[in-house]
N, C-alpha and C. Protein backbone atom coordinates (compact mmCIF):
# COMPACT_ATOMS: atom_id res chain seq x y z
N MET A 1 -21.76 2.23 12.70
CA MET A 1 -21.21 2.12 11.66
C MET A 1 -21.14 3.51 10.65
N GLN A 2 -20.18 3.63 10.44
CA GLN A 2 -20.39 4.99 9.81
C GLN A 2 -21.01 4.96 8.51
N SER A 3 -21.87 5.92 7.82
CA SER A 3 -22.12 5.64 6.40
C SER A 3 -21.25 6.34 5.58
N PHE A 4 -20.90 6.14 4.40
CA PHE A 4 -20.08 6.07 3.37
C PHE A 4 -20.37 7.73 2.03
N ASN A 5 -19.60 8.41 2.76
CA ASN A 5 -20.03 9.83 2.51
C ASN A 5 -18.88 9.86 0.72
N LEU A 6 -19.77 10.04 -0.12
CA LEU A 6 -18.73 10.05 -1.56
C LEU A 6 -17.84 11.33 -1.56
N ASP A 7 -18.99 12.33 -1.12
CA ASP A 7 -18.03 13.75 -1.50
C ASP A 7 -16.92 13.91 -0.55
N GLN A 8 -16.61 13.41 0.44
CA GLN A 8 -15.73 13.18 1.44
C GLN A 8 -14.85 12.60 0.97
N THR A 9 -14.90 11.34 0.43
CA THR A 9 -13.88 10.56 -0.03
C THR A 9 -13.34 11.01 -1.40
N ILE A 10 -14.19 11.48 -2.32
CA ILE A 10 -13.55 12.04 -3.34
C ILE A 10 -12.59 13.26 -2.74
N THR A 11 -12.80 13.93 -2.31
CA THR A 11 -12.04 14.95 -1.52
C THR A 11 -10.63 14.59 -0.98
N ALA A 12 -10.71 13.49 0.02
CA ALA A 12 -9.90 13.03 0.63
C ALA A 12 -8.93 12.12 -0.68
N TRP A 13 -9.84 11.46 -1.42
CA TRP A 13 -8.64 10.45 -2.16
C TRP A 13 -8.12 11.40 -3.40
N SER A 14 -8.38 12.53 -3.73
CA SER A 14 -7.65 13.17 -4.75
C SER A 14 -6.24 13.46 -4.10
N SER A 15 -6.54 13.85 -2.52
CA SER A 15 -5.23 14.07 -1.97
C SER A 15 -3.77 13.20 -1.69
N ILE A 16 -4.59 12.02 -1.83
CA ILE A 16 -3.79 10.76 -1.85
C ILE A 16 -3.42 9.78 -2.94
N ALA A 17 -4.30 9.95 -3.96
CA ALA A 17 -4.29 8.91 -5.00
C ALA A 17 -2.77 8.56 -5.48
N GLU A 18 -2.05 9.84 -5.56
CA GLU A 18 -0.39 9.73 -6.01
C GLU A 18 0.33 8.89 -5.34
N ASN A 19 -0.21 8.66 -4.09
CA ASN A 19 0.70 7.70 -3.14
C ASN A 19 0.12 6.39 -2.85
N VAL A 20 -1.14 6.48 -2.82
CA VAL A 20 -2.00 4.87 -2.73
C VAL A 20 -2.59 4.38 -4.09
N PHE A 21 -1.92 3.30 -4.44
CA PHE A 21 -2.07 2.99 -6.08
C PHE A 21 -2.01 1.48 -6.23
N VAL A 22 -2.99 0.77 -7.26
CA VAL A 22 -2.30 -0.64 -7.70
C VAL A 22 -1.39 -0.36 -8.80
N PRO A 23 0.26 -1.01 -8.07
CA PRO A 23 0.81 -0.70 -9.13
C PRO A 23 0.99 -1.84 -10.17
N HIS A 24 1.61 -1.45 -11.54
CA HIS A 24 1.39 -2.02 -12.69
C HIS A 24 2.53 -2.24 -13.24
N THR A 25 3.51 -1.61 -12.84
CA THR A 25 4.92 -1.62 -13.04
C THR A 25 5.80 -1.95 -12.07
N GLU A 26 7.17 -1.77 -12.67
CA GLU A 26 8.25 -2.34 -11.65
C GLU A 26 8.84 -0.96 -10.83
N GLU A 27 8.45 0.07 -11.38
CA GLU A 27 8.68 1.32 -10.99
C GLU A 27 7.67 1.82 -9.62
N GLU A 28 6.37 1.54 -10.19
CA GLU A 28 5.57 1.71 -9.40
C GLU A 28 5.51 0.90 -7.96
N TYR A 29 5.79 -0.29 -8.38
CA TYR A 29 5.96 -1.58 -7.41
C TYR A 29 7.16 -0.71 -6.58
N ASN A 30 8.43 -0.30 -6.92
CA ASN A 30 9.45 0.02 -5.89
C ASN A 30 9.46 1.33 -5.26
N ARG A 31 8.22 2.22 -5.91
CA ARG A 31 7.64 3.56 -5.12
C ARG A 31 6.88 2.89 -3.67
N LEU A 32 6.01 1.87 -4.02
CA LEU A 32 5.31 1.38 -2.86
C LEU A 32 6.28 0.89 -2.08
N VAL A 33 6.99 -0.22 -2.62
CA VAL A 33 8.29 -0.60 -1.51
C VAL A 33 9.21 0.61 -0.53
N GLY A 34 9.39 1.88 -1.12
CA GLY A 34 9.97 2.62 -0.39
C GLY A 34 9.08 3.07 0.66
N MET A 35 7.68 3.51 -0.01
CA MET A 35 6.70 4.21 0.98
C MET A 35 6.29 3.36 1.94
N LEU A 36 6.60 1.98 1.95
CA LEU A 36 6.14 0.71 3.14
C LEU A 36 7.74 0.73 4.41
N ASP A 37 8.80 0.83 3.79
CA ASP A 37 9.97 1.25 4.32
C ASP A 37 9.56 2.35 5.43
N ARG A 38 9.44 3.12 4.80
CA ARG A 38 9.42 4.59 5.72
C ARG A 38 8.21 4.62 6.51
N LEU A 39 6.87 4.23 6.20
CA LEU A 39 6.00 3.43 6.99
C LEU A 39 6.56 2.82 8.24
N ILE A 40 6.89 1.90 8.08
CA ILE A 40 7.51 0.83 8.84
C ILE A 40 8.39 1.43 9.86
N ASP A 41 9.14 2.22 9.61
CA ASP A 41 10.04 3.08 10.29
C ASP A 41 9.35 3.90 11.39
N GLN A 42 8.29 4.53 10.66
CA GLN A 42 7.16 5.54 11.22
C GLN A 42 6.55 4.60 12.55
N VAL A 43 5.78 3.57 11.82
CA VAL A 43 4.76 2.72 12.75
C VAL A 43 5.25 1.89 13.52
N GLY A 44 6.16 1.06 13.06
CA GLY A 44 6.55 0.19 13.95
C GLY A 44 5.43 -0.91 14.08
N GLU A 45 5.41 -1.54 15.02
CA GLU A 45 4.74 -2.44 15.28
C GLU A 45 3.29 -1.96 16.46
N ASP A 46 2.99 -0.60 16.22
CA ASP A 46 1.89 0.34 16.84
C ASP A 46 0.65 0.29 16.17
N GLU A 47 0.05 -0.80 16.26
CA GLU A 47 -1.15 -1.07 15.65
C GLU A 47 -2.33 0.12 15.98
N SER A 48 -2.19 0.79 16.86
CA SER A 48 -2.99 1.63 17.04
C SER A 48 -2.66 3.15 16.15
N HIS A 49 -1.41 3.30 15.86
CA HIS A 49 -0.70 4.09 15.47
C HIS A 49 -1.76 4.78 14.16
N PRO A 50 -1.75 5.94 14.06
CA PRO A 50 -2.86 6.76 12.95
C PRO A 50 -2.50 6.08 11.57
N LEU A 51 -1.28 5.84 11.04
CA LEU A 51 -0.98 5.35 9.94
C LEU A 51 -1.01 3.62 9.65
N ALA A 52 -1.06 2.89 10.75
CA ALA A 52 -1.05 1.67 10.87
C ALA A 52 -1.94 0.84 9.76
N SER A 53 -3.22 1.46 9.50
CA SER A 53 -4.00 0.84 8.57
C SER A 53 -3.62 1.18 6.92
N LEU A 54 -2.72 2.42 6.67
CA LEU A 54 -2.28 2.66 5.49
C LEU A 54 -1.19 1.61 5.47
N MET A 55 -0.59 1.42 6.31
CA MET A 55 0.86 0.13 6.17
C MET A 55 0.44 -0.90 5.55
N GLU A 56 -1.01 -1.43 6.06
CA GLU A 56 -1.06 -2.61 6.01
C GLU A 56 -1.90 -2.75 4.48
N VAL A 57 -2.50 -1.39 4.05
CA VAL A 57 -3.16 -1.38 2.64
C VAL A 57 -1.91 -1.60 1.49
N ILE A 58 -0.74 -0.62 1.89
CA ILE A 58 0.14 -0.83 0.93
C ILE A 58 0.86 -2.01 1.13
N GLY A 59 1.05 -2.69 2.06
CA GLY A 59 1.41 -4.21 2.09
C GLY A 59 1.08 -5.14 1.47
N VAL A 60 -0.73 -5.13 1.19
CA VAL A 60 -1.51 -6.07 0.44
C VAL A 60 -1.26 -5.60 -0.96
N LEU A 61 -1.05 -3.94 -1.31
CA LEU A 61 -0.73 -3.74 -2.87
C LEU A 61 0.34 -4.43 -3.40
N ILE A 62 1.71 -4.49 -2.39
CA ILE A 62 2.67 -4.88 -3.03
C ILE A 62 2.52 -6.37 -3.02
N GLU A 63 1.92 -6.94 -2.25
CA GLU A 63 1.84 -8.43 -2.03
C GLU A 63 1.01 -9.04 -3.20
N ASN A 64 0.29 -8.54 -3.89
CA ASN A 64 -0.51 -8.78 -5.08
C ASN A 64 0.39 -8.68 -5.94
N TYR A 65 1.07 -7.40 -6.16
CA TYR A 65 2.02 -7.24 -7.39
C TYR A 65 3.06 -8.15 -7.45
N GLU A 66 3.71 -8.64 -6.31
CA GLU A 66 4.80 -9.87 -5.95
C GLU A 66 3.94 -11.13 -6.44
N THR A 67 2.72 -11.38 -6.49
CA THR A 67 2.30 -12.72 -6.29
C THR A 67 1.95 -13.05 -7.87
N GLU A 68 1.57 -11.74 -8.47
CA GLU A 68 1.51 -11.72 -9.81
C GLU A 68 2.27 -11.69 -11.03
N HIS A 69 3.63 -10.62 -10.40
CA HIS A 69 4.57 -10.49 -11.27
C HIS A 69 6.19 -11.17 -11.21
N ILE A 70 6.46 -11.66 -9.87
CA ILE A 70 7.53 -12.15 -9.18
C ILE A 70 7.52 -13.58 -8.87
N PRO A 71 8.42 -14.63 -9.72
CA PRO A 71 8.27 -16.03 -9.91
C PRO A 71 8.73 -16.38 -8.32
N GLN A 72 7.98 -17.54 -7.74
CA GLN A 72 8.50 -17.93 -6.38
C GLN A 72 10.10 -18.52 -6.46
N LEU A 73 10.30 -18.48 -5.58
CA LEU A 73 11.89 -19.19 -5.53
C LEU A 73 11.93 -20.53 -6.20
N GLU A 74 10.62 -21.23 -5.63
CA GLU A 74 10.76 -22.61 -6.30
C GLU A 74 10.84 -22.76 -7.59
N GLU A 75 10.07 -21.86 -8.26
CA GLU A 75 9.82 -22.00 -9.62
C GLU A 75 11.13 -21.69 -10.59
N ILE A 76 11.75 -20.69 -9.81
CA ILE A 76 13.23 -20.17 -10.72
C ILE A 76 14.12 -21.43 -10.50
N VAL A 77 14.20 -22.30 -9.79
CA VAL A 77 15.09 -23.41 -9.62
C VAL A 77 14.99 -24.23 -10.54
């Protein structure tokens, strides 16, 4: 198992933080959905693709936003 290198993480995070974030607004949510669409086009179902885990992380962020902010279809009826 690799050890956690905080200095490396800070450097890497500063370059991707603008694109990987917890959405708090509908606009941020829509940005992530657009990013996920582009990732799906690039990665497809290739689990060994270098961006596959990023696609999964973005999907989880979107799912969490939807769970908190978008009513379920059963609740609308």
